């Protein structure tokens, strides 16, 4: 009983209660909410954001941030459409797009690790840069040149009712949990997020860890862009516009501190479900997209306040106990 009470007092326990409340309200407001089709559909429609949220959790735990992930996703999708439209084979185009993602992430990581520039500034600049490159490639066109097998991979069930993107997410989720909780690299991510100078003095190659994380962020964002293109069957220069808001909210709401050094994948998964169910519930209630974005923005502000509130209550409790 004490363990249950302790869990309920944790942030993950609080998120469980919020998730149950969100599900209950949505189920009351709409008979269609709990249907299998709706559950799979709401997950599929946001699967690219959810995939990127996993690597974003690593980066923020490491006390960095990458604002360019959604723009890289859009760039990779547009590059894929442009390459196929100009005559490249699908396998060649897919490999090139993944390389673009890796190089873009490596570029971000270079400026952060070797030039000591703030990741906020670097990735904000590349948010604009990657988005600009995407628009240069496709201009104002909508390119639809993909073969039918590629679109079927993005739109049709592969394993039971699950499409390829959802299966990839679950595989990446398992990998993320294993790496973050049970490997030396995962411990390095936490230690650097707590204090990178202490980590450096402990013999950890801080630059290598950060470079790997940013490179992986670019690679996974490019993968998400490819899956996005497959799901939609076409590409445009504005693909993924504004996705950063949902991605960062999913991570911070999950209890990952914006200052780094704390957080878990379990909390991120709970927050992902909360954000998806909130958006789905608002859509079923015919609430407009702009208002939905405002609600998610408010969630982002509240989630960023969590570490400060936690510190305040802990200090208040300590002062009362003296």
C-alpha atoms as a PDB file:
ATOM      1  CA  UNK A   1       0.000   0.000   0.000  1.00  0.00           C
ATOM      2  CA  UNK A   2       2.837   2.363   0.830  1.00  0.00           C
ATOM      3  CA  UNK A   3       4.439   1.688  -2.558  1.00  0.00           C
ATOM      4  CA  UNK A   4       1.164   2.518  -4.326  1.00  0.00           C
ATOM      5  CA  UNK A   5       0.836   5.776  -2.373  1.00  0.00           C
ATOM      6  CA  UNK A   6       4.462   6.645  -3.121  1.00  0.00           C
ATOM      7  CA  UNK A   7       3.887   6.055  -6.841  1.00  0.00           C
ATOM      8  CA  UNK A   8       0.733   8.173  -6.874  1.00  0.00           C
ATOM      9  CA  UNK A   9       2.703  11.025  -5.285  1.00  0.00           C
ATOM     10  CA  UNK A  10       5.306  10.818  -8.076  1.00  0.00           C
ATOM     11  CA  UNK A  11       5.008  12.756 -11.331  1.00  0.00           C
ATOM     12  CA  UNK A  12       4.335   9.533 -13.272  1.00  0.00           C
ATOM     13  CA  UNK A  13       1.535   8.725 -10.824  1.00  0.00           C
ATOM     14  CA  UNK A  14       0.036  12.172 -11.348  1.00  0.00           C
ATOM     15  CA  UNK A  15       0.228  11.673 -15.130  1.00  0.00           C
ATOM     16  CA  UNK A  16      -1.588   8.338 -14.765  1.00  0.00           C
ATOM     17  CA  UNK A  17      -4.424  10.116 -12.977  1.00  0.00           C
ATOM     18  CA  UNK A  18      -4.538  12.850 -15.646  1.00  0.00           C
ATOM     19  CA  UNK A  19      -4.562  10.188 -18.368  1.00  0.00           C
ATOM     20  CA  UNK A  20      -7.457   8.329 -16.725  1.00  0.00           C
ATOM     21  CA  UNK A  21      -9.385  11.606 -16.367  1.00  0.00           C
ATOM     22  CA  UNK A  22      -8.711  12.524 -20.015  1.00  0.00           C
ATOM     23  CA  UNK A  23      -9.878   9.118 -21.240  1.00  0.00           C
ATOM     24  CA  UNK A  24     -13.003   9.297 -19.072  1.00  0.00           C
ATOM     25  CA  UNK A  25     -13.991  12.772 -20.291  1.00  0.00           C
ATOM     26  CA  UNK A  26     -13.393  11.854 -23.935  1.00  0.00           C
ATOM     27  CA  UNK A  27     -15.366   8.624 -23.585  1.00  0.00           C
ATOM     28  CA  UNK A  28     -18.317  10.520 -22.089  1.00  0.00           C
ATOM     29  CA  UNK A  29     -18.228  13.208 -24.794  1.00  0.00           C
ATOM     30  CA  UNK A  30     -17.954  10.794 -27.738  1.00  0.00           C
ATOM     31  CA  UNK A  31     -19.126   7.225 -28.217  1.00  0.00           C
ATOM     32  CA  UNK A  32     -16.514   6.795 -30.956  1.00  0.00           C
ATOM     33  CA  UNK A  33     -13.533   7.610 -28.731  1.00  0.00           C
ATOM     34  CA  UNK A  34     -12.928   4.135 -27.299  1.00  0.00           C
ATOM     35  CA  UNK A  35     -13.356   2.322 -30.623  1.00  0.00           C
ATOM     36  CA  UNK A  36     -10.333   0.372 -31.873  1.00  0.00           C
ATOM     37  CA  UNK A  37     -10.339   2.274 -35.158  1.00  0.00           C
ATOM     38  CA  UNK A  38     -10.179   5.627 -33.379  1.00  0.00           C
ATOM     39  CA  UNK A  39      -7.380   4.485 -31.071  1.00  0.00           C
ATOM     40  CA  UNK A  40      -5.244   3.298 -33.976  1.00  0.00           C
ATOM     41  CA  UNK A  41      -6.134   6.360 -36.048  1.00  0.00           C
ATOM     42  CA  UNK A  42      -5.194   8.929 -33.382  1.00  0.00           C
ATOM     43  CA  UNK A  43      -1.843   7.203 -32.863  1.00  0.00           C
ATOM     44  CA  UNK A  44      -1.146   6.883 -36.594  1.00  0.00           C
ATOM     45  CA  UNK A  45      -1.907  10.537 -37.317  1.00  0.00           C
ATOM     46  CA  UNK A  46       0.749  11.703 -34.838  1.00  0.00           C
ATOM     47  CA  UNK A  47       3.219   8.832 -35.064  1.00  0.00           C
ATOM     48  CA  UNK A  48       6.012  10.953 -36.580  1.00  0.00           C
ATOM     49  CA  UNK A  49       5.920  13.361 -33.631  1.00  0.00           C
ATOM     50  CA  UNK A  50       5.882  10.459 -31.187  1.00  0.00           C
ATOM     51  CA  UNK A  51       8.930   8.840 -32.791  1.00  0.00           C
ATOM     52  CA  UNK A  52      10.929  12.078 -32.598  1.00  0.00           C
ATOM     53  CA  UNK A  53       9.826  12.629 -28.974  1.00  0.00           C
ATOM     54  CA  UNK A  54      11.864   9.566 -27.965  1.00  0.00           C
ATOM     55  CA  UNK A  55      15.198  11.014 -29.109  1.00  0.00           C
ATOM     56  CA  UNK A  56      14.165  14.472 -27.886  1.00  0.00           C
ATOM     57  CA  UNK A  57      13.870  12.981 -24.385  1.00  0.00           C
ATOM     58  CA  UNK A  58      17.529  11.924 -24.566  1.00  0.00           C
ATOM     59  CA  UNK A  59      18.624  15.370 -25.732  1.00  0.00           C
ATOM     60  CA  UNK A  60      16.732  17.288 -23.035  1.00  0.00           C
ATOM     61  CA  UNK A  61      17.884  14.897 -20.294  1.00  0.00           C
ATOM     62  CA  UNK A  62      21.379  15.728 -21.582  1.00  0.00           C
ATOM     63  CA  UNK A  63      20.589  19.437 -20.881  1.00  0.00           C
ATOM     64  CA  UNK A  64      20.342  20.376 -24.569  1.00  0.00           C
ATOM     65  CA  UNK A  65      17.477  20.995 -26.971  1.00  0.00           C
ATOM     66  CA  UNK A  66      16.906  20.546 -30.694  1.00  0.00           C
ATOM     67  CA  UNK A  67      14.322  22.873 -32.209  1.00  0.00           C
ATOM     68  CA  UNK A  68      15.170  21.795 -35.761  1.00  0.00           C
ATOM     69  CA  UNK A  69      13.783  18.245 -35.632  1.00  0.00           C
ATOM     70  CA  UNK A  70      10.450  19.010 -37.311  1.00  0.00           C
ATOM     71  CA  UNK A  71      12.160  21.080 -40.002  1.00  0.00           C
ATOM     72  CA  UNK A  72      14.586  18.217 -40.648  1.00  0.00           C
ATOM     73  CA  UNK A  73      11.621  15.888 -40.910  1.00  0.00           C
ATOM     74  CA  UNK A  74      10.079  18.174 -43.521  1.00  0.00           C
ATOM     75  CA  UNK A  75      13.392  18.539 -45.357  1.00  0.00           C
ATOM     76  CA  UNK A  76      13.895  14.760 -45.552  1.00  0.00           C
ATOM     77  CA  UNK A  77      10.362  14.258 -46.865  1.00  0.00           C
ATOM     78  CA  UNK A  78      10.770  17.008 -49.476  1.00  0.00           C
ATOM     79  CA  UNK A  79      14.200  15.710 -50.485  1.00  0.00           C
ATOM     80  CA  UNK A  80      12.685  12.269 -50.999  1.00  0.00           C
ATOM     81  CA  UNK A  81       9.964  13.667 -53.255  1.00  0.00           C
ATOM     82  CA  UNK A  82      12.447  15.817 -55.190  1.00  0.00           C
ATOM     83  CA  UNK A  83      14.892  12.950 -55.722  1.00  0.00           C
ATOM     84  CA  UNK A  84      12.208  10.565 -56.982  1.00  0.00           C
ATOM     85  CA  UNK A  85      10.736  13.318 -59.163  1.00  0.00           C
ATOM     86  CA  UNK A  86      14.139  13.890 -60.786  1.00  0.00           C
ATOM     87  CA  UNK A  87      14.581  10.211 -61.609  1.00  0.00           C
ATOM     88  CA  UNK A  88      16.348   8.665 -58.605  1.00  0.00           C
ATOM     89  CA  UNK A  89      15.332   5.154 -57.589  1.00  0.00           C
ATOM     90  CA  UNK A  90      13.455   4.752 -54.304  1.00  0.00           C
ATOM     91  CA  UNK A  91      16.255   2.802 -52.528  1.00  0.00           C
ATOM     92  CA  UNK A  92      18.818   5.456 -53.519  1.00  0.00           C
ATOM     93  CA  UNK A  93      16.515   8.296 -52.492  1.00  0.00           C
ATOM     94  CA  UNK A  94      15.787   6.682 -49.120  1.00  0.00           C
ATOM     95  CA  UNK A  95      19.484   6.244 -48.315  1.00  0.00           C
ATOM     96  CA  UNK A  96      20.274   9.825 -49.354  1.00  0.00           C
ATOM     97  CA  UNK A  97      17.477  11.195 -47.162  1.00  0.00           C
ATOM     98  CA  UNK A  98      18.731   9.290 -44.128  1.00  0.00           C
ATOM     99  CA  UNK A  99      22.233  10.620 -44.823  1.00  0.00           C
ATOM    100  CA  UNK A 100      20.833  14.148 -45.040  1.00  0.00           C
ATOM    101  CA  UNK A 101      19.333  13.643 -41.585  1.00  0.00           C
ATOM    102  CA  UNK A 102      22.595  12.334 -40.138  1.00  0.00           C
ATOM    103  CA  UNK A 103      24.628  15.166 -41.649  1.00  0.00           C
ATOM    104  CA  UNK A 104      22.131  17.781 -40.481  1.00  0.00           C
ATOM    105  CA  UNK A 105      22.270  16.413 -36.936  1.00  0.00           C
ATOM    106  CA  UNK A 106      26.057  16.194 -37.103  1.00  0.00           C
ATOM    107  CA  UNK A 107      26.162  19.820 -38.244  1.00  0.00           C
ATOM    108  CA  UNK A 108      24.082  20.870 -35.230  1.00  0.00           C
ATOM    109  CA  UNK A 109      26.237  18.790 -32.917  1.00  0.00           C
ATOM    110  CA  UNK A 110      29.468  20.269 -34.266  1.00  0.00           C
ATOM    111  CA  UNK A 111      28.465  23.828 -33.408  1.00  0.00           C
ATOM    112  CA  UNK A 112      27.184  22.825 -29.975  1.00  0.00           C
ATOM    113  CA  UNK A 113      30.063  20.553 -28.933  1.00  0.00           C
ATOM    114  CA  UNK A 114      33.139  21.980 -30.634  1.00  0.00           C
ATOM    115  CA  UNK A 115      32.208  25.648 -30.979  1.00  0.00           C
ATOM    116  CA  UNK A 116      30.404  25.792 -27.604  1.00  0.00           C
ATOM    117  CA  UNK A 117      27.367  27.578 -28.983  1.00  0.00           C
ATOM    118  CA  UNK A 118      24.034  27.175 -27.153  1.00  0.00           C
ATOM    119  CA  UNK A 119      21.940  24.404 -28.686  1.00  0.00           C
ATOM    120  CA  UNK A 120      18.889  26.676 -28.485  1.00  0.00           C
ATOM    121  CA  UNK A 121      20.534  29.201 -30.817  1.00  0.00           C
ATOM    122  CA  UNK A 122      22.061  26.655 -33.198  1.00  0.00           C
ATOM    123  CA  UNK A 123      18.928  24.584 -33.669  1.00  0.00           C
ATOM    124  CA  UNK A 124      16.684  27.634 -33.905  1.00  0.00           C
ATOM    125  CA  UNK A 125      18.848  28.832 -36.797  1.00  0.00           C
ATOM    126  CA  UNK A 126      18.682  25.403 -38.429  1.00  0.00           C
ATOM    127  CA  UNK A 127      14.931  25.261 -37.913  1.00  0.00           C
ATOM    128  CA  UNK A 128      14.820  28.153 -40.356  1.00  0.00           C
ATOM    129  CA  UNK A 129      17.619  26.767 -42.524  1.00  0.00           C
ATOM    130  CA  UNK A 130      16.194  23.262 -42.983  1.00  0.00           C
ATOM    131  CA  UNK A 131      12.749  24.667 -43.649  1.00  0.00           C
ATOM    132  CA  UNK A 132      14.197  27.028 -46.250  1.00  0.00           C
ATOM    133  CA  UNK A 133      16.002  24.175 -48.020  1.00  0.00           C
ATOM    134  CA  UNK A 134      12.777  22.182 -48.146  1.00  0.00           C
ATOM    135  CA  UNK A 135      10.989  25.074 -49.807  1.00  0.00           C
ATOM    136  CA  UNK A 136      13.838  25.529 -52.278  1.00  0.00           C
ATOM    137  CA  UNK A 137      13.518  21.881 -53.324  1.00  0.00           C
ATOM    138  CA  UNK A 138       9.758  21.750 -53.876  1.00  0.00           C
ATOM    139  CA  UNK A 139       8.902  25.481 -54.025  1.00  0.00           C
ATOM    140  CA  UNK A 140       5.121  25.820 -53.655  1.00  0.00           C
ATOM    141  CA  UNK A 141       4.353  22.534 -55.367  1.00  0.00           C
ATOM    142  CA  UNK A 142       2.828  19.382 -53.958  1.00  0.00           C
ATOM    143  CA  UNK A 143       4.859  16.448 -55.287  1.00  0.00           C
ATOM    144  CA  UNK A 144       3.132  13.072 -55.598  1.00  0.00           C
ATOM    145  CA  UNK A 145       5.469  10.701 -57.403  1.00  0.00           C
ATOM    146  CA  UNK A 146       5.913   7.788 -55.025  1.00  0.00           C
ATOM    147  CA  UNK A 147       5.358   4.177 -56.115  1.00  0.00           C
ATOM    148  CA  UNK A 148       2.263   2.420 -54.809  1.00  0.00           C
ATOM    149  CA  UNK A 149       4.235  -0.008 -52.601  1.00  0.00           C
ATOM    150  CA  UNK A 150       5.782   2.915 -50.728  1.00  0.00           C
ATOM    151  CA  UNK A 151       2.408   4.519 -50.035  1.00  0.00           C
ATOM    152  CA  UNK A 152       0.976   1.167 -48.946  1.00  0.00           C
ATOM    153  CA  UNK A 153       3.785   0.826 -46.377  1.00  0.00           C
ATOM    154  CA  UNK A 154       2.727   4.124 -44.874  1.00  0.00           C
ATOM    155  CA  UNK A 155      -1.028   3.657 -45.081  1.00  0.00           C
ATOM    156  CA  UNK A 156      -1.865  -0.052 -44.864  1.00  0.00           C
ATOM    157  CA  UNK A 157      -1.644  -2.357 -41.808  1.00  0.00           C
ATOM    158  CA  UNK A 158       1.482  -4.508 -41.719  1.00  0.00           C
ATOM    159  CA  UNK A 159       1.116  -6.473 -38.465  1.00  0.00           C
ATOM    160  CA  UNK A 160      -2.497  -6.939 -37.441  1.00  0.00           C
ATOM    161  CA  UNK A 161      -4.088  -3.481 -37.485  1.00  0.00           C
ATOM    162  CA  UNK A 162      -0.726  -1.700 -37.054  1.00  0.00           C
ATOM    163  CA  UNK A 163       0.978   0.189 -39.913  1.00  0.00           C
ATOM    164  CA  UNK A 164       4.762   0.181 -40.367  1.00  0.00           C
ATOM    165  CA  UNK A 165       5.335   3.509 -38.572  1.00  0.00           C
ATOM    166  CA  UNK A 166       3.650   2.284 -35.377  1.00  0.00           C
ATOM    167  CA  UNK A 167       5.703  -0.926 -35.418  1.00  0.00           C
ATOM    168  CA  UNK A 168       8.896   1.119 -35.844  1.00  0.00           C
ATOM    169  CA  UNK A 169       7.849   3.296 -32.903  1.00  0.00           C
ATOM    170  CA  UNK A 170       7.438   0.307 -30.572  1.00  0.00           C
ATOM    171  CA  UNK A 171      10.841  -1.061 -31.619  1.00  0.00           C
ATOM    172  CA  UNK A 172      12.467   2.341 -30.984  1.00  0.00           C
ATOM    173  CA  UNK A 173      10.615   2.598 -27.662  1.00  0.00           C
ATOM    174  CA  UNK A 174      12.049  -0.705 -26.451  1.00  0.00           C
ATOM    175  CA  UNK A 175      15.512   0.361 -27.613  1.00  0.00           C
ATOM    176  CA  UNK A 176      15.183   3.741 -25.865  1.00  0.00           C
ATOM    177  CA  UNK A 177      14.173   2.155 -22.546  1.00  0.00           C
ATOM    178  CA  UNK A 178      17.034  -0.348 -22.703  1.00  0.00           C
ATOM    179  CA  UNK A 179      19.661   2.247 -23.614  1.00  0.00           C
ATOM    180  CA  UNK A 180      18.558   4.886 -21.116  1.00  0.00           C
ATOM    181  CA  UNK A 181      18.087   2.539 -18.149  1.00  0.00           C
ATOM    182  CA  UNK A 182      20.495  -0.328 -18.630  1.00  0.00           C
ATOM    183  CA  UNK A 183      23.563   0.905 -20.521  1.00  0.00           C
ATOM    184  CA  UNK A 184      26.599   3.004 -19.755  1.00  0.00           C
ATOM    185  CA  UNK A 185      25.655   5.420 -22.520  1.00  0.00           C
ATOM    186  CA  UNK A 186      22.305   6.066 -20.825  1.00  0.00           C
ATOM    187  CA  UNK A 187      24.071   6.819 -17.540  1.00  0.00           C
ATOM    188  CA  UNK A 188      26.406   9.207 -19.370  1.00  0.00           C
ATOM    189  CA  UNK A 189      23.376  11.053 -20.757  1.00  0.00           C
ATOM    190  CA  UNK A 190      22.059  11.632 -17.220  1.00  0.00           C
ATOM    191  CA  UNK A 191      25.416  12.529 -15.668  1.00  0.00           C
ATOM    192  CA  UNK A 192      26.218  15.080 -18.374  1.00  0.00           C
ATOM    193  CA  UNK A 193      22.754  16.581 -17.954  1.00  0.00           C
ATOM    194  CA  UNK A 194      23.341  17.016 -14.218  1.00  0.00           C
ATOM    195  CA  UNK A 195      26.791  18.569 -14.552  1.00  0.00           C
ATOM    196  CA  UNK A 196      28.857  18.320 -17.711  1.00  0.00           C
ATOM    197  CA  UNK A 197      32.031  19.577 -15.993  1.00  0.00           C
ATOM    198  CA  UNK A 198      31.750  16.872 -13.364  1.00  0.00           C
ATOM    199  CA  UNK A 199      31.140  14.330 -16.136  1.00  0.00           C
ATOM    200  CA  UNK A 200      34.245  15.532 -17.990  1.00  0.00           C
ATOM    201  CA  UNK A 201      36.388  15.249 -14.856  1.00  0.00           C
ATOM    202  CA  UNK A 202      35.009  11.730 -14.371  1.00  0.00           C
ATOM    203  CA  UNK A 203      36.459  10.698 -17.713  1.00  0.00           C
ATOM    204  CA  UNK A 204      33.283  10.828 -19.791  1.00  0.00           C
ATOM    205  CA  UNK A 205      33.749  12.018 -23.358  1.00  0.00           C
ATOM    206  CA  UNK A 206      31.104  14.724 -23.166  1.00  0.00           C
ATOM    207  CA  UNK A 207      31.591  15.958 -26.735  1.00  0.00           C
ATOM    208  CA  UNK A 208      31.224  12.463 -28.191  1.00  0.00           C
ATOM    209  CA  UNK A 209      27.989  11.792 -26.288  1.00  0.00           C
ATOM    210  CA  UNK A 210      26.430  15.086 -27.348  1.00  0.00           C
ATOM    211  CA  UNK A 211      27.564  14.637 -30.960  1.00  0.00           C
ATOM    212  CA  UNK A 212      26.022  11.166 -31.065  1.00  0.00           C
ATOM    213  CA  UNK A 213      22.730  12.466 -29.659  1.00  0.00           C
ATOM    214  CA  UNK A 214      22.419  15.300 -32.173  1.00  0.00           C
ATOM    215  CA  UNK A 215      23.360  12.993 -35.045  1.00  0.00           C
ATOM    216  CA  UNK A 216      20.742  10.477 -33.934  1.00  0.00           C
ATOM    217  CA  UNK A 217      18.191  13.281 -33.664  1.00  0.00           C
ATOM    218  CA  UNK A 218      18.836  14.184 -37.292  1.00  0.00           C
ATOM    219  CA  UNK A 219      18.694  10.543 -38.410  1.00  0.00           C
ATOM    220  CA  UNK A 220      15.460   9.747 -36.568  1.00  0.00           C
ATOM    221  CA  UNK A 221      13.876  12.999 -37.765  1.00  0.00           C
ATOM    222  CA  UNK A 222      14.732  12.037 -41.343  1.00  0.00           C
ATOM    223  CA  UNK A 223      13.231   8.592 -40.756  1.00  0.00           C
ATOM    224  CA  UNK A 224      10.082  10.242 -39.424  1.00  0.00           C
ATOM    225  CA  UNK A 225      10.016  12.439 -42.542  1.00  0.00           C
ATOM    226  CA  UNK A 226      10.166   9.378 -44.789  1.00  0.00           C
ATOM    227  CA  UNK A 227       7.331   7.742 -42.841  1.00  0.00           C
ATOM    228  CA  UNK A 228       5.368  11.005 -43.054  1.00  0.00           C
ATOM    229  CA  UNK A 229       5.789  11.086 -46.833  1.00  0.00           C
ATOM    230  CA  UNK A 230       4.674   7.456 -47.075  1.00  0.00           C
ATOM    231  CA  UNK A 231       1.588   8.100 -44.965  1.00  0.00           C
ATOM    232  CA  UNK A 232       0.499  11.191 -46.907  1.00  0.00           C
ATOM    233  CA  UNK A 233       1.646   9.957 -50.322  1.00  0.00           C
ATOM    234  CA  UNK A 234       2.851  13.447 -51.239  1.00  0.00           C
ATOM    235  CA  UNK A 235       5.196  16.170 -49.968  1.00  0.00           C
ATOM    236  CA  UNK A 236       5.011  19.937 -49.538  1.00  0.00           C
ATOM    237  CA  UNK A 237       7.461  22.545 -48.317  1.00  0.00           C
ATOM    238  CA  UNK A 238       5.488  23.191 -45.130  1.00  0.00           C
ATOM    239  CA  UNK A 239       5.434  19.571 -43.916  1.00  0.00           C
ATOM    240  CA  UNK A 240       5.875  19.269 -40.168  1.00  0.00           C
ATOM    241  CA  UNK A 241       5.353  22.975 -39.588  1.00  0.00           C
ATOM    242  CA  UNK A 242       4.822  23.601 -35.873  1.00  0.00           C
ATOM    243  CA  UNK A 243       5.409  19.996 -34.837  1.00  0.00           C
ATOM    244  CA  UNK A 244       8.148  21.171 -32.446  1.00  0.00           C
ATOM    245  CA  UNK A 245       5.499  22.384 -30.010  1.00  0.00           C
ATOM    246  CA  UNK A 246       3.880  18.977 -29.564  1.00  0.00           C
ATOM    247  CA  UNK A 247       7.209  17.125 -29.464  1.00  0.00           C
ATOM    248  CA  UNK A 248       8.751  19.296 -26.741  1.00  0.00           C
ATOM    249  CA  UNK A 249       5.486  19.324 -24.767  1.00  0.00           C
ATOM    250  CA  UNK A 250       5.379  15.512 -24.809  1.00  0.00           C
ATOM    251  CA  UNK A 251       8.873  15.374 -23.336  1.00  0.00           C
ATOM    252  CA  UNK A 252       8.583  18.125 -20.703  1.00  0.00           C
ATOM    253  CA  UNK A 253       5.110  17.089 -19.600  1.00  0.00           C
ATOM    254  CA  UNK A 254       6.551  13.612 -19.083  1.00  0.00           C
ATOM    255  CA  UNK A 255       8.678  14.935 -16.249  1.00  0.00           C
ATOM    256  CA  UNK A 256      11.937  15.481 -18.147  1.00  0.00           C
ATOM    257  CA  UNK A 257      13.520  18.582 -16.652  1.00  0.00           C
ATOM    258  CA  UNK A 258      14.247  21.393 -19.099  1.00  0.00           C
ATOM    259  CA  UNK A 259      17.480  21.860 -17.131  1.00  0.00           C
ATOM    260  CA  UNK A 260      18.566  18.272 -17.802  1.00  0.00           C
ATOM    261  CA  UNK A 261      19.622  15.387 -15.628  1.00  0.00           C
ATOM    262  CA  UNK A 262      16.227  13.889 -14.782  1.00  0.00           C
ATOM    263  CA  UNK A 263      13.270  12.211 -16.420  1.00  0.00           C
ATOM    264  CA  UNK A 264      12.237   8.827 -17.761  1.00  0.00           C
ATOM    265  CA  UNK A 265      10.842   7.281 -20.913  1.00  0.00           C
ATOM    266  CA  UNK A 266       7.879   5.988 -18.891  1.00  0.00           C
ATOM    267  CA  UNK A 267       6.806   9.506 -18.048  1.00  0.00           C
ATOM    268  CA  UNK A 268       7.249  10.555 -21.676  1.00  0.00           C
ATOM    269  CA  UNK A 269       5.000   7.706 -22.846  1.00  0.00           C
ATOM    270  CA  UNK A 270       2.281   8.787 -20.420  1.00  0.00           C
ATOM    271  CA  UNK A 271       2.530  12.399 -21.581  1.00  0.00           C
ATOM    272  CA  UNK A 272       2.431  11.273 -25.230  1.00  0.00           C
ATOM    273  CA  UNK A 273      -0.866   9.513 -24.560  1.00  0.00           C
ATOM    274  CA  UNK A 274      -2.223  12.575 -22.721  1.00  0.00           C
ATOM    275  CA  UNK A 275      -1.329  14.932 -25.592  1.00  0.00           C
ATOM    276  CA  UNK A 276      -2.740  12.557 -28.226  1.00  0.00           C
ATOM    277  CA  UNK A 277      -5.957  11.996 -26.289  1.00  0.00           C
ATOM    278  CA  UNK A 278      -6.372  15.713 -25.643  1.00  0.00           C
ATOM    279  CA  UNK A 279      -6.007  16.529 -29.326  1.00  0.00           C
ATOM    280  CA  UNK A 280      -8.288  13.661 -30.315  1.00  0.00           C
ATOM    281  CA  UNK A 281     -10.908  14.640 -27.773  1.00  0.00           C
ATOM    282  CA  UNK A 282     -10.848  18.254 -28.952  1.00  0.00           C
ATOM    283  CA  UNK A 283     -11.137  17.106 -32.579  1.00  0.00           C
ATOM    284  CA  UNK A 284     -14.131  14.889 -31.761  1.00  0.00           C
ATOM    285  CA  UNK A 285     -15.661  17.941 -30.022  1.00  0.00           C
ATOM    286  CA  UNK A 286     -15.095  20.035 -33.185  1.00  0.00           C
ATOM    287  CA  UNK A 287     -12.599  22.349 -31.497  1.00  0.00           C
ATOM    288  CA  UNK A 288     -10.507  24.180 -34.091  1.00  0.00           C
ATOM    289  CA  UNK A 289      -6.821  23.459 -34.712  1.00  0.00           C
ATOM    290  CA  UNK A 290      -5.729  26.914 -33.546  1.00  0.00           C
ATOM    291  CA  UNK A 291      -7.428  26.451 -30.188  1.00  0.00           C
ATOM    292  CA  UNK A 292      -5.900  22.984 -29.902  1.00  0.00           C
ATOM    293  CA  UNK A 293      -2.462  24.519 -30.460  1.00  0.00           C
ATOM    294  CA  UNK A 294      -3.183  27.069 -27.743  1.00  0.00           C
ATOM    295  CA  UNK A 295      -4.061  24.299 -25.276  1.00  0.00           C
ATOM    296  CA  UNK A 296      -0.861  22.409 -26.105  1.00  0.00           C
ATOM    297  CA  UNK A 297       1.112  25.642 -25.711  1.00  0.00           C
ATOM    298  CA  UNK A 298      -0.392  26.117 -22.246  1.00  0.00           C
ATOM    299  CA  UNK A 299       0.579  22.554 -21.400  1.00  0.00           C
ATOM    300  CA  UNK A 300       4.135  23.328 -22.489  1.00  0.00           C
ATOM    301  CA  UNK A 301       4.293  26.321 -20.140  1.00  0.00           C
ATOM    302  CA  UNK A 302       2.909  24.282 -17.239  1.00  0.00           C
ATOM    303  CA  UNK A 303       5.271  21.390 -17.889  1.00  0.00           C
ATOM    304  CA  UNK A 304       8.265  23.732 -17.980  1.00  0.00           C
ATOM    305  CA  UNK A 305       7.188  25.034 -14.554  1.00  0.00           C
ATOM    306  CA  UNK A 306       7.185  21.560 -12.998  1.00  0.00           C
ATOM    307  CA  UNK A 307      10.883  21.480 -11.940  1.00  0.00           C
ATOM    308  CA  UNK A 308      10.590  24.902 -10.299  1.00  0.00           C
ATOM    309  CA  UNK A 309       7.398  23.945  -8.458  1.00  0.00           C
ATOM    310  CA  UNK A 310       8.929  20.658  -7.324  1.00  0.00           C
ATOM    311  CA  UNK A 311      12.018  22.453  -5.993  1.00  0.00           C
ATOM    312  CA  UNK A 312       9.845  25.028  -4.230  1.00  0.00           C
ATOM    313  CA  UNK A 313       7.688  22.448  -2.444  1.00  0.00           C
ATOM    314  CA  UNK A 314      10.712  20.373  -1.434  1.00  0.00           C
ATOM    315  CA  UNK A 315      12.448  23.439   0.040  1.00  0.00           C
ATOM    316  CA  UNK A 316       9.218  24.469   1.793  1.00  0.00           C
ATOM    317  CA  UNK A 317       8.804  21.000   3.287  1.00  0.00           C
ATOM    318  CA  UNK A 318      12.428  20.979   4.412  1.00  0.00           C
ATOM    319  CA  UNK A 319      12.080  24.379   6.115  1.00  0.00           C
ATOM    320  CA  UNK A 320       8.943  23.230   7.975  1.00  0.00           C
ATOM    321  CA  UNK A 321      10.667  20.079   9.214  1.00  0.00           C
ATOM    322  CA  UNK A 322      13.453  22.098  10.890  1.00  0.00           C
END
